[in-house]
Amino acid sequence: MHTTHIASPPPTHQEGGTHQERGRFFRSPLVWMLIGMVGVGLASSLASVGGVVAVVGAAAAVVIYWAVMRYVARRSMPEIAKSGAVTQALSGVAIGFGFITVSMLMLLTEFSFDERPGNGLSIVASMAAMSFGAAVTEELIFRGLALQALEKLCGSWAALTITAVLFGGLHLANPGATLWSSLAIAIEAGVLLGAAFLWKRDIWFAVGLHFAWNTTLGLIGIPVSGHASEGLMTTTPDGPDLLTGGDFGLEASIVPVIVSLLIAIPLLIGAHRRGNLVPLRRGLR
């Protein structure tokens, strides 16, 4: 029996235009930013569980980020390149650890320390897994998605400012948070981590810094952004809240705010010299 094949008519001009418009819509920075935030945000719920689940959540967040950038934004992703990722992360770890260590050394007399019983290895592993999950998901959302999308619209300086304010504002919901603690977080984390990303244009560098910061605080036994930490020590603030951060933790202290700026400013100068900052006029285009 002979079957007659009827050729499909070519797409009309209207259909082609609709397809192109749909493509342009999804490639819009705000659209892929929001889609990515939803996807990575869902993965972050796994990362907040802790343990192996946190690591799985972080891995899922990276896969979602890659998929959104590849198939929605249609852009390359040098910021999550595997080549050199370990080196970049370790460089960030060194800066993050140094940041907290210097801040604490300046405030040693304002705290009292007691050894906390428990299995040290288990405590370190648990703290590291939780910090890793938080660092990966938060950096993908704020520096990978938000900062890069916004700088396409309004340049790097405006994007850095907006993401810093958003990052600080979201921490208002944390235990013991105040307007001051959110401002401090906006400067310490929002500006410093944003500057770290702009300097290297590498997510893993910012992740390493963020991870070391949270892990070091947690192991010392100081609350991380208001959340109590069961680390290797029990640390009690004895000095004024402006120096110790009070119940919110060291991040609400004036000292790390100053130290973070002393680190962030050279990073931003370096980013400018490398040509890594998107000016407003190019962002608007």
Protein backbone atom coordinates (compact mmCIF):
# COMPACT_ATOMS: atom_id res chain seq x y z
CA MET A 1 0.00 0.00 0.00
CA HIS A 2 1.31 3.41 -0.97
CA THR A 3 1.28 6.15 1.73
CA THR A 4 1.23 9.75 0.67
CA HIS A 5 3.34 12.07 2.85
CA ILE A 6 2.03 15.57 3.12
CA ALA A 7 4.80 18.09 3.82
CA SER A 8 4.21 20.47 6.71
CA PRO A 9 3.86 24.08 5.61
CA PRO A 10 6.84 26.32 6.42
CA PRO A 11 6.45 28.45 9.53
CA THR A 12 4.74 31.72 8.87
CA HIS A 13 6.40 35.05 9.53
CA GLN A 14 4.16 35.47 12.57
CA GLU A 15 5.19 32.08 14.03
CA GLY A 16 8.87 32.86 13.48
CA GLY A 17 8.45 36.24 15.13
CA THR A 18 6.69 34.70 18.12
CA HIS A 19 9.51 32.17 18.57
CA GLN A 20 12.13 34.94 18.44
CA GLU A 21 10.19 37.07 20.90
CA ARG A 22 9.93 34.12 23.29
CA GLY A 23 13.66 33.57 23.01
CA ARG A 24 14.41 37.23 23.72
CA PHE A 25 12.05 37.16 26.70
CA PHE A 26 13.84 34.24 28.36
CA ARG A 27 17.25 35.73 27.60
CA SER A 28 16.27 38.89 29.46
CA PRO A 29 18.54 39.20 32.54
CA LEU A 30 15.66 39.66 35.00
CA VAL A 31 13.85 36.60 33.63
CA TRP A 32 16.77 34.16 33.84
CA MET A 33 17.75 35.65 37.18
CA LEU A 34 14.31 34.93 38.67
CA ILE A 35 14.08 31.45 37.13
CA GLY A 36 17.55 30.62 38.45
CA MET A 37 16.75 31.98 41.91
CA VAL A 38 13.67 29.76 42.17
CA GLY A 39 15.60 26.67 41.08
CA VAL A 40 18.68 27.25 43.22
CA GLY A 41 16.44 28.33 46.09
CA LEU A 42 14.71 24.95 46.01
CA ALA A 43 18.11 23.23 46.14
CA SER A 44 19.10 25.42 49.09
CA SER A 45 16.34 23.78 51.16
CA LEU A 46 18.36 20.57 50.89
CA ALA A 47 21.58 22.39 51.70
CA SER A 48 20.05 23.68 54.94
CA VAL A 49 19.47 20.13 56.22
CA GLY A 50 23.16 19.57 56.87
CA GLY A 51 25.41 16.54 56.54
CA VAL A 52 25.58 14.64 53.27
CA VAL A 53 22.22 16.12 52.23
CA ALA A 54 23.77 19.62 52.32
CA VAL A 55 26.51 18.54 49.93
CA VAL A 56 23.94 16.94 47.61
CA GLY A 57 21.89 20.15 47.75
CA ALA A 58 24.96 22.19 46.80
CA ALA A 59 25.68 19.89 43.86
CA ALA A 60 22.05 20.11 42.74
CA ALA A 61 22.24 23.92 42.93
CA VAL A 62 25.27 23.96 40.62
CA VAL A 63 23.49 21.71 38.10
CA ILE A 64 20.37 23.92 38.17
CA TYR A 65 22.48 27.05 37.75
CA TRP A 66 24.28 25.50 34.77
CA ALA A 67 21.00 24.44 33.17
CA VAL A 68 19.40 27.87 33.56
CA MET A 69 22.45 29.66 32.15
CA ARG A 70 22.84 27.16 29.30
CA TYR A 71 19.25 26.71 28.17
CA VAL A 72 17.46 29.85 29.39
CA ALA A 73 20.01 32.68 29.45
CA ARG A 74 21.98 31.09 26.58
CA ARG A 75 25.30 32.37 27.91
CA SER A 76 28.67 30.88 28.75
CA MET A 77 29.59 30.22 32.39
CA PRO A 78 33.31 30.87 32.98
CA GLU A 79 32.42 31.75 36.58
CA ILE A 80 31.78 28.07 37.43
CA ALA A 81 34.54 26.56 35.31
CA LYS A 82 35.99 23.35 36.76
CA SER A 83 39.50 24.27 35.68
CA GLY A 84 41.22 25.98 38.60
CA ALA A 85 38.14 25.69 40.83
CA VAL A 86 40.02 24.12 43.74
CA THR A 87 42.79 26.72 43.60
CA GLN A 88 40.28 29.57 43.49
CA ALA A 89 38.28 28.10 46.37
CA LEU A 90 41.38 27.66 48.52
CA SER A 91 42.41 31.25 47.83
CA GLY A 92 38.98 32.37 49.02
CA VAL A 93 39.26 30.13 52.09
CA ALA A 94 42.54 31.84 53.03
CA ILE A 95 40.96 35.30 52.84
CA GLY A 96 37.81 34.24 54.71
CA PHE A 97 39.77 32.57 57.49
CA GLY A 98 42.11 35.55 57.73
CA PHE A 99 39.16 37.96 57.87
CA ILE A 100 37.56 36.24 60.87
CA THR A 101 40.87 35.52 62.59
CA VAL A 102 42.03 39.15 62.44
CA SER A 103 38.63 40.37 63.65
CA MET A 104 38.65 37.93 66.59
CA LEU A 105 42.24 38.71 67.59
CA MET A 106 41.26 42.36 67.92
CA LEU A 107 38.40 41.36 70.24
CA LEU A 108 39.84 38.52 72.33
CA THR A 109 39.39 40.44 75.58
CA GLU A 110 35.68 40.94 74.84
CA PHE A 111 34.82 37.22 74.94
CA SER A 112 35.22 34.29 77.32
CA PHE A 113 35.91 30.80 75.93
CA ASP A 114 35.13 27.34 77.27
CA GLU A 115 35.91 23.99 75.70
CA ARG A 116 32.80 22.17 74.55
CA PRO A 117 32.56 18.39 75.02
CA GLY A 118 31.90 16.18 72.04
CA ASN A 119 33.53 14.41 69.13
CA GLY A 120 35.73 17.05 67.51
CA LEU A 121 35.87 15.36 64.10
CA SER A 122 32.11 14.96 63.97
CA ILE A 123 31.59 18.60 64.95
CA VAL A 124 34.01 19.84 62.28
CA ALA A 125 32.48 17.63 59.55
CA SER A 126 28.93 18.68 60.39
CA MET A 127 29.83 22.37 60.52
CA ALA A 128 31.78 22.17 57.27
CA ALA A 129 28.93 20.42 55.41
CA MET A 130 26.36 22.96 56.55
CA SER A 131 28.64 25.91 55.70
CA PHE A 132 29.48 24.44 52.30
CA GLY A 133 25.83 24.05 51.35
CA ALA A 134 25.00 27.60 52.44
CA ALA A 135 28.06 29.11 50.73
CA VAL A 136 27.44 27.44 47.37
CA THR A 137 23.72 28.17 47.16
CA GLU A 138 23.95 31.75 48.43
CA GLU A 139 26.83 32.64 46.13
CA LEU A 140 25.06 31.17 43.11
CA ILE A 141 21.94 33.19 43.92
CA PHE A 142 23.50 36.53 44.87
CA ARG A 143 26.77 36.73 42.97
CA GLY A 144 26.12 34.25 40.14
CA LEU A 145 22.55 35.23 39.27
CA ALA A 146 21.57 38.55 40.86
CA LEU A 147 24.82 40.48 40.54
CA GLN A 148 25.52 39.36 36.96
CA ALA A 149 21.95 39.98 35.81
CA LEU A 150 21.71 43.40 37.42
CA GLU A 151 25.06 44.60 36.11
CA LYS A 152 23.84 43.89 32.58
CA LEU A 153 21.03 46.34 33.27
CA CYS A 154 22.72 49.01 35.37
CA GLY A 155 26.45 48.30 35.61
CA SER A 156 28.63 46.68 38.27
CA TRP A 157 28.53 49.44 40.90
CA ALA A 158 24.74 49.61 41.01
CA ALA A 159 24.51 45.79 40.93
CA LEU A 160 26.97 45.52 43.83
CA THR A 161 24.98 48.06 45.86
CA ILE A 162 21.59 46.45 45.16
CA THR A 163 22.74 42.90 45.93
CA ALA A 164 24.49 44.05 49.11
CA VAL A 165 21.34 45.80 50.35
CA LEU A 166 19.21 42.75 49.46
CA PHE A 167 21.62 40.39 51.21
CA GLY A 168 21.58 42.50 54.36
CA GLY A 169 17.82 42.98 54.24
CA LEU A 170 17.12 39.25 54.02
CA HIS A 171 19.07 38.76 57.25
CA LEU A 172 16.55 40.93 59.10
CA ALA A 173 14.49 37.76 59.56
CA ASN A 174 17.31 36.01 61.43
CA PRO A 175 17.25 35.54 65.22
CA GLY A 176 18.46 38.62 67.12
CA ALA A 177 18.62 40.73 63.96
CA THR A 178 18.42 44.53 64.05
CA LEU A 179 18.71 47.28 61.45
CA TRP A 180 22.35 47.64 62.46
CA SER A 181 23.11 43.93 62.07
CA SER A 182 21.54 43.96 58.59
CA LEU A 183 23.58 47.01 57.61
CA ALA A 184 26.70 45.28 58.91
CA ILE A 185 25.90 42.14 56.90
CA ALA A 186 25.25 44.26 53.81
CA ILE A 187 28.74 45.75 54.10
CA GLU A 188 30.67 42.70 55.34
CA ALA A 189 29.03 40.05 53.19
CA GLY A 190 27.27 41.95 50.43
CA VAL A 191 30.15 44.27 49.58
CA LEU A 192 33.06 41.96 50.45
CA LEU A 193 31.71 38.86 48.69
CA GLY A 194 30.55 40.96 45.75
CA ALA A 195 34.01 42.53 45.51
CA ALA A 196 35.61 39.08 45.69
CA PHE A 197 33.50 37.89 42.78
CA LEU A 198 34.12 40.99 40.68
CA TRP A 199 37.87 40.74 41.26
CA LYS A 200 38.15 37.12 40.16
CA ARG A 201 34.90 36.67 38.21
CA ASP A 202 34.88 33.23 39.79
CA ILE A 203 32.11 31.78 41.96
CA TRP A 204 34.46 29.30 43.64
CA PHE A 205 36.64 32.09 45.01
CA ALA A 206 33.59 33.73 46.64
CA VAL A 207 32.34 30.34 47.83
CA GLY A 208 35.69 29.61 49.51
CA LEU A 209 35.64 32.96 51.31
CA HIS A 210 32.03 32.52 52.41
CA PHE A 211 32.62 28.92 53.51
CA ALA A 212 35.70 29.72 55.64
CA TRP A 213 33.93 32.68 57.21
CA ASN A 214 30.90 30.66 58.35
CA THR A 215 32.91 27.59 59.36
CA THR A 216 35.44 29.52 61.43
CA LEU A 217 32.72 31.40 63.30
CA GLY A 218 30.75 28.22 63.90
CA LEU A 219 33.72 26.23 65.20
CA ILE A 220 34.62 29.03 67.61
CA GLY A 221 31.08 28.78 68.95
CA ILE A 222 29.91 32.23 67.85
CA PRO A 223 26.44 32.56 66.29
CA VAL A 224 26.50 32.75 62.48
CA SER A 225 24.15 35.54 61.41
CA GLY A 226 22.10 35.06 64.57
CA HIS A 227 21.95 31.26 64.40
CA ALA A 228 23.52 29.56 67.43
CA SER A 229 26.58 27.40 66.69
CA GLU A 230 27.49 24.20 68.48
CA GLY A 231 31.18 24.29 67.69
CA LEU A 232 34.37 23.16 69.37
CA MET A 233 34.01 25.88 72.00
CA THR A 234 31.32 27.78 73.85
CA THR A 235 32.01 31.48 73.41
CA THR A 236 30.26 34.11 75.51
CA PRO A 237 30.38 37.84 74.73
CA ASP A 238 31.47 39.93 77.73
CA GLY A 239 31.98 43.32 76.09
CA PRO A 240 29.55 45.86 74.62
CA ASP A 241 27.32 44.72 71.76
CA LEU A 242 28.90 47.20 69.34
CA LEU A 243 32.19 45.29 69.71
CA THR A 244 30.98 41.72 70.21
CA GLY A 245 27.82 41.76 68.11
CA GLY A 246 25.75 40.55 71.08
CA ASP A 247 23.32 37.68 70.49
CA PHE A 248 23.50 38.08 66.70
CA GLY A 249 27.18 37.20 66.65
CA LEU A 250 30.43 38.75 65.50
CA GLU A 251 28.93 39.89 62.20
CA ALA A 252 27.07 42.65 64.09
CA SER A 253 30.36 43.99 65.48
CA ILE A 254 31.84 47.23 64.15
CA VAL A 255 35.29 45.61 63.96
CA PRO A 256 34.65 43.11 61.12
CA VAL A 257 32.74 45.83 59.26
CA ILE A 258 35.93 47.91 59.19
CA VAL A 259 38.16 44.90 58.43
CA SER A 260 35.89 43.79 55.57
CA LEU A 261 36.12 47.23 53.96
CA LEU A 262 39.91 47.13 54.24
CA ILE A 263 39.78 43.89 52.23
CA ALA A 264 36.98 44.82 49.82
CA ILE A 265 38.40 48.16 48.67
CA PRO A 266 41.67 46.68 47.28
CA LEU A 267 39.64 43.89 45.62
CA LEU A 268 37.43 46.46 43.88
CA ILE A 269 40.48 48.47 42.81
CA GLY A 270 41.93 45.24 41.41
CA ALA A 271 38.66 44.46 39.61
CA HIS A 272 38.72 47.91 38.00
CA ARG A 273 42.33 47.51 36.86
CA ARG A 274 41.51 44.11 35.36
CA GLY A 275 38.62 45.60 33.42
CA ASN A 276 36.14 43.40 35.28
CA LEU A 277 33.65 46.15 36.10
CA VAL A 278 30.75 46.78 33.75
CA PRO A 279 30.15 50.54 33.36
CA LEU A 280 26.62 51.91 33.50
CA ARG A 281 26.45 52.81 29.80
CA ARG A 282 27.43 49.29 28.71
CA GLY A 283 25.05 47.78 31.28
CA LEU A 284 22.17 49.82 29.91
CA ARG A 285 22.89 48.62 26.40
